[in-house]
Amino acid sequence: MKDAQCLGILLPEDGPPDYEWYGLDQRGKPDADELPTIAVGKVLSDGHHEHTALMALGATDRLAAVGESLVRDAGARAVVWACTSGSFIGGLEWSIAQSRELSQWLGVPVTSTAMAFCAALAALDQRRVDLLSPYPPEVTEQLVQFLRDSDVKVDNLQALNCPYAADSHRLDIVTTVRDFANEHGASRNPLLVPDTAINTLELVEAMQREAGRMVLTANQVSLWAGLRLLERRGGPARYLQTLTGTDLPHS
């Protein structure tokens, strides 16, 4: 029997076997008080943080081929393309079209990590941020432009220059956040930590403690936005932290 509250996650499959979404993929074991059933569909990727590779990764037909099985076989009622770089790399209008075309193709609501960051910041009424980017400088600049086009200004920035998603995955992210916060101690802006390759859901509280302010991560906003597409207002507070109780802004 298909779960009426199944969330489909499209995730780049680029090597590391311990991405946290795999642990949330609990088909047949939904926890009604916290999470719906989560079904992960793997999109083959070389994990390269480079413009041409990321544009190819984010192509609608490539994503739809995997998304169709999430809807047909797992019964997903909403889908999130859980890849930050593969959803901002073509710019804001490209990102909007990506989600819209996937939704039309799959017949269910669809969003992406890049769009989830925008929605979360709008729900929190935040228009100035700091950015701790795992990407190389060129890709980081494209993220800054994406945020600027979304009316979000980046005040403080660090590009960690990880050429591949596997390099991001190996980061000691709590220490990296602490070091960034120490360098920019006067800022009270929300700190964005993109890249779904970085396991952060169990670390959000620690990162916020080290930063002394709000931290929004790729997997955190992706989960939040996916739950809202399913019209679920709950979710694990330990993951969602400052997003608990917020809702998607009206378009």
Protein backbone atom coordinates (compact mmCIF):
# COMPACT_ATOMS: atom_id res chain seq x y z
CA MET A 1 0.00 0.00 0.00
CA LYS A 2 1.38 3.39 -1.00
CA ASP A 3 1.88 5.98 1.72
CA ALA A 4 -0.35 9.02 1.29
CA GLN A 5 2.38 11.12 2.89
CA CYS A 6 5.47 10.00 1.00
CA LEU A 7 8.14 12.62 0.23
CA GLY A 8 10.37 11.88 -2.75
CA ILE A 9 13.97 13.06 -2.61
CA LEU A 10 16.03 13.30 -5.79
CA LEU A 11 19.65 13.06 -4.66
CA PRO A 12 22.91 13.06 -6.64
CA GLU A 13 24.56 9.65 -6.44
CA ASP A 14 28.25 10.56 -6.47
CA GLY A 15 29.99 8.14 -4.15
CA PRO A 16 29.73 8.51 -0.36
CA PRO A 17 27.43 5.79 1.01
CA ASP A 18 26.54 7.63 4.23
CA TYR A 19 24.59 10.64 2.97
CA GLU A 20 22.05 11.38 5.69
CA TRP A 21 19.11 11.20 3.28
CA TYR A 22 19.76 7.46 2.97
CA GLY A 23 19.19 7.13 6.70
CA LEU A 24 15.89 8.99 6.38
CA ASP A 25 14.79 6.71 3.55
CA GLN A 26 12.50 4.65 5.79
CA ARG A 27 10.02 3.25 3.30
CA GLY A 28 7.40 1.25 5.15
CA LYS A 29 8.41 2.67 8.54
CA PRO A 30 6.88 6.15 8.72
CA ASP A 31 6.93 8.00 12.03
CA ALA A 32 3.64 9.89 11.96
CA ASP A 33 4.72 12.26 14.71
CA GLU A 34 7.86 13.47 12.96
CA LEU A 35 8.53 12.41 9.38
CA PRO A 36 6.54 11.02 6.50
CA THR A 37 7.90 8.11 4.55
CA ILE A 38 10.93 9.40 2.63
CA ALA A 39 11.90 7.72 -0.64
CA VAL A 40 15.28 8.58 -2.18
CA GLY A 41 15.84 8.41 -5.91
CA LYS A 42 19.50 8.43 -6.96
CA VAL A 43 20.53 10.65 -9.87
CA LEU A 44 23.87 9.51 -11.26
CA SER A 45 26.55 12.21 -10.94
CA ASP A 46 30.31 12.56 -10.93
CA GLY A 47 29.97 15.09 -8.09
CA HIS A 48 31.99 17.73 -9.94
CA HIS A 49 31.40 21.31 -8.77
CA GLU A 50 31.86 22.78 -12.24
CA HIS A 51 29.39 24.75 -14.36
CA THR A 52 29.00 22.42 -17.34
CA ALA A 53 28.72 19.30 -15.17
CA LEU A 54 26.17 20.95 -12.88
CA MET A 55 24.04 22.21 -15.77
CA ALA A 56 23.94 18.66 -17.16
CA LEU A 57 23.10 17.27 -13.70
CA GLY A 58 20.17 19.66 -13.32
CA ALA A 59 18.61 18.95 -16.70
CA THR A 60 14.87 18.38 -16.33
CA ASP A 61 14.74 15.17 -18.37
CA ARG A 62 17.59 13.66 -16.35
CA LEU A 63 15.81 14.37 -13.07
CA ALA A 64 12.38 13.39 -14.34
CA ALA A 65 13.58 9.92 -15.35
CA VAL A 66 14.34 9.18 -11.68
CA GLY A 67 11.44 11.20 -10.31
CA GLU A 68 8.93 9.18 -12.30
CA SER A 69 9.83 6.04 -10.36
CA LEU A 70 9.48 7.89 -7.04
CA VAL A 71 5.93 8.87 -7.96
CA ARG A 72 4.94 5.63 -9.69
CA ASP A 73 6.61 3.03 -7.47
CA ALA A 74 7.06 4.74 -4.10
CA GLY A 75 3.89 6.85 -4.26
CA ALA A 76 5.65 10.18 -3.64
CA ARG A 77 3.12 13.00 -3.28
CA ALA A 78 5.78 15.73 -3.46
CA VAL A 79 9.39 15.77 -4.64
CA VAL A 80 12.49 17.77 -3.69
CA TRP A 81 15.54 17.99 -5.95
CA ALA A 82 18.01 17.88 -3.05
CA CYS A 83 21.02 19.43 -4.71
CA THR A 84 21.94 23.07 -4.12
CA SER A 85 24.44 23.59 -6.92
CA GLY A 86 22.37 21.61 -9.42
CA SER A 87 19.42 23.91 -8.73
CA PHE A 88 21.04 27.38 -8.70
CA ILE A 89 23.75 26.97 -11.35
CA GLY A 90 21.62 28.23 -14.24
CA GLY A 91 20.31 31.27 -12.39
CA LEU A 92 17.02 32.16 -10.72
CA GLU A 93 14.73 31.90 -13.74
CA TRP A 94 16.32 28.58 -14.73
CA SER A 95 15.79 27.31 -11.17
CA ILE A 96 12.14 28.35 -11.15
CA ALA A 97 11.60 26.69 -14.54
CA GLN A 98 13.37 23.53 -13.35
CA SER A 99 10.91 23.03 -10.49
CA ARG A 100 7.90 24.03 -12.57
CA GLU A 101 8.77 21.69 -15.45
CA LEU A 102 9.48 18.79 -13.10
CA SER A 103 6.15 19.34 -11.37
CA GLN A 104 4.34 19.30 -14.72
CA TRP A 105 6.25 16.17 -15.77
CA LEU A 106 5.73 14.25 -12.53
CA GLY A 107 2.24 15.49 -11.67
CA VAL A 108 3.13 16.38 -8.05
CA PRO A 109 4.49 19.53 -6.36
CA VAL A 110 8.26 19.89 -6.79
CA THR A 111 10.85 22.21 -5.30
CA SER A 112 14.64 22.22 -5.01
CA THR A 113 17.25 23.07 -2.42
CA ALA A 114 18.05 26.42 -4.01
CA MET A 115 14.38 27.38 -4.06
CA ALA A 116 14.01 26.08 -0.49
CA PHE A 117 16.74 28.46 0.69
CA CYS A 118 14.84 31.34 -0.92
CA ALA A 119 11.56 30.24 0.63
CA ALA A 120 13.09 29.77 4.08
CA LEU A 121 14.67 33.22 4.06
CA ALA A 122 11.38 34.76 2.92
CA ALA A 123 9.46 32.91 5.66
CA LEU A 124 11.96 34.20 8.22
CA ASP A 125 11.90 37.72 6.72
CA GLN A 126 15.68 37.69 6.26
CA ARG A 127 17.26 39.55 3.34
CA ARG A 128 20.90 39.76 4.42
CA VAL A 129 22.97 36.63 4.96
CA ASP A 130 26.50 35.32 5.36
CA LEU A 131 27.57 32.44 3.15
CA LEU A 132 29.91 29.56 3.98
CA SER A 133 30.22 27.96 0.57
CA PRO A 134 31.91 24.60 0.00
CA TYR A 135 32.15 25.35 -3.72
CA PRO A 136 35.03 26.73 -5.80
CA PRO A 137 35.04 30.53 -6.18
CA GLU A 138 33.43 30.54 -9.65
CA VAL A 139 30.46 28.42 -8.56
CA THR A 140 30.20 30.36 -5.30
CA GLU A 141 29.86 33.58 -7.26
CA GLN A 142 26.99 32.07 -9.21
CA LEU A 143 25.28 31.27 -5.91
CA VAL A 144 25.83 34.84 -4.72
CA GLN A 145 24.23 36.10 -7.96
CA PHE A 146 21.32 33.67 -7.55
CA LEU A 147 20.69 35.03 -4.06
CA ARG A 148 21.06 38.62 -5.26
CA ASP A 149 18.45 37.99 -7.96
CA SER A 150 16.24 36.62 -5.16
CA ASP A 151 16.64 39.94 -3.28
CA VAL A 152 19.05 38.44 -0.75
CA LYS A 153 22.38 40.20 -0.17
CA VAL A 154 25.49 38.28 0.93
CA ASP A 155 27.52 40.38 3.37
CA ASN A 156 30.29 37.98 4.41
CA LEU A 157 31.53 35.11 2.31
CA GLN A 158 34.00 32.23 2.35
CA ALA A 159 34.50 29.78 -0.53
CA LEU A 160 36.02 26.53 0.75
CA ASN A 161 36.99 25.44 -2.79
CA CYS A 162 35.83 21.82 -2.69
CA PRO A 163 36.07 20.58 -6.30
CA TYR A 164 33.80 17.57 -5.73
CA ALA A 165 30.83 16.74 -3.52
CA ALA A 166 32.89 14.04 -1.80
CA ASP A 167 35.29 16.78 -0.67
CA SER A 168 32.41 18.74 0.83
CA HIS A 169 31.19 15.59 2.54
CA ARG A 170 34.52 15.20 4.38
CA LEU A 171 34.45 18.70 5.89
CA ASP A 172 34.44 19.07 9.66
CA ILE A 173 31.50 21.40 9.27
CA VAL A 174 30.98 22.32 12.94
CA THR A 175 34.62 23.44 13.29
CA THR A 176 34.43 25.23 9.94
CA VAL A 177 31.32 27.12 11.07
CA ARG A 178 33.02 28.05 14.36
CA ASP A 179 36.07 29.40 12.54
CA PHE A 180 33.91 31.43 10.16
CA ALA A 181 31.87 32.83 13.04
CA ASN A 182 35.02 33.81 14.93
CA GLU A 183 36.25 35.70 11.88
CA HIS A 184 32.92 37.50 11.44
CA GLY A 185 31.95 37.85 15.08
CA ALA A 186 30.07 41.13 14.68
CA SER A 187 27.60 39.73 12.15
CA ARG A 188 24.15 38.61 13.24
CA ASN A 189 23.09 37.55 9.75
CA PRO A 190 21.78 34.04 9.19
CA LEU A 191 24.64 31.82 8.06
CA LEU A 192 23.91 29.70 4.98
CA VAL A 193 25.68 26.34 4.59
CA PRO A 194 24.78 24.96 1.15
CA ASP A 195 25.53 21.55 -0.40
CA THR A 196 23.37 18.53 0.43
CA ALA A 197 26.54 16.40 0.40
CA ILE A 198 27.31 17.80 3.88
CA ASN A 199 25.50 15.86 6.61
CA THR A 200 24.06 18.56 8.87
CA LEU A 201 20.65 17.53 10.19
CA GLU A 202 21.99 16.16 13.48
CA LEU A 203 24.48 19.04 13.75
CA VAL A 204 22.22 22.09 13.34
CA GLU A 205 22.04 22.76 17.06
CA ALA A 206 25.82 22.47 17.45
CA MET A 207 26.44 24.76 14.48
CA GLN A 208 24.05 27.39 15.80
CA ARG A 209 25.74 27.23 19.18
CA GLU A 210 29.18 27.67 17.62
CA ALA A 211 27.99 30.45 15.32
CA GLY A 212 25.97 32.26 17.98
CA ARG A 213 23.22 32.87 15.44
CA MET A 214 20.84 31.24 13.00
CA VAL A 215 22.32 28.63 10.66
CA LEU A 216 20.42 27.33 7.64
CA THR A 217 21.78 24.25 5.88
CA ALA A 218 20.95 22.65 2.55
CA ASN A 219 19.42 19.49 3.98
CA GLN A 220 17.57 21.42 6.67
CA VAL A 221 15.76 23.74 4.24
CA SER A 222 15.17 20.88 1.78
CA LEU A 223 13.41 18.82 4.43
CA TRP A 224 11.43 21.83 5.67
CA ALA A 225 10.25 22.75 2.17
CA GLY A 226 9.38 19.15 1.33
CA LEU A 227 7.24 18.79 4.45
CA ARG A 228 5.41 21.99 3.56
CA LEU A 229 4.70 20.71 0.06
CA LEU A 230 2.98 17.77 1.77
CA GLU A 231 1.14 20.32 3.94
CA ARG A 232 2.74 18.93 7.09
CA ARG A 233 3.31 21.63 9.68
CA GLY A 234 5.40 19.51 12.03
CA GLY A 235 8.79 17.89 11.65
CA PRO A 236 11.68 17.07 13.96
CA ALA A 237 12.61 20.22 15.89
CA ARG A 238 16.18 18.95 16.26
CA TYR A 239 16.55 19.16 12.49
CA LEU A 240 14.45 22.19 11.65
CA GLN A 241 15.43 24.41 14.61
CA THR A 242 14.51 28.04 13.76
CA LEU A 243 12.29 26.93 10.86
CA THR A 244 9.87 25.13 13.20
CA GLY A 245 6.50 26.88 12.98
CA THR A 246 7.30 28.76 9.76
CA ASP A 247 5.44 28.14 6.54
CA LEU A 248 6.15 28.56 2.85
CA PRO A 249 5.45 32.15 1.76
CA HIS A 250 2.55 32.72 -0.58
CA SER A 251 3.62 33.13 -4.20
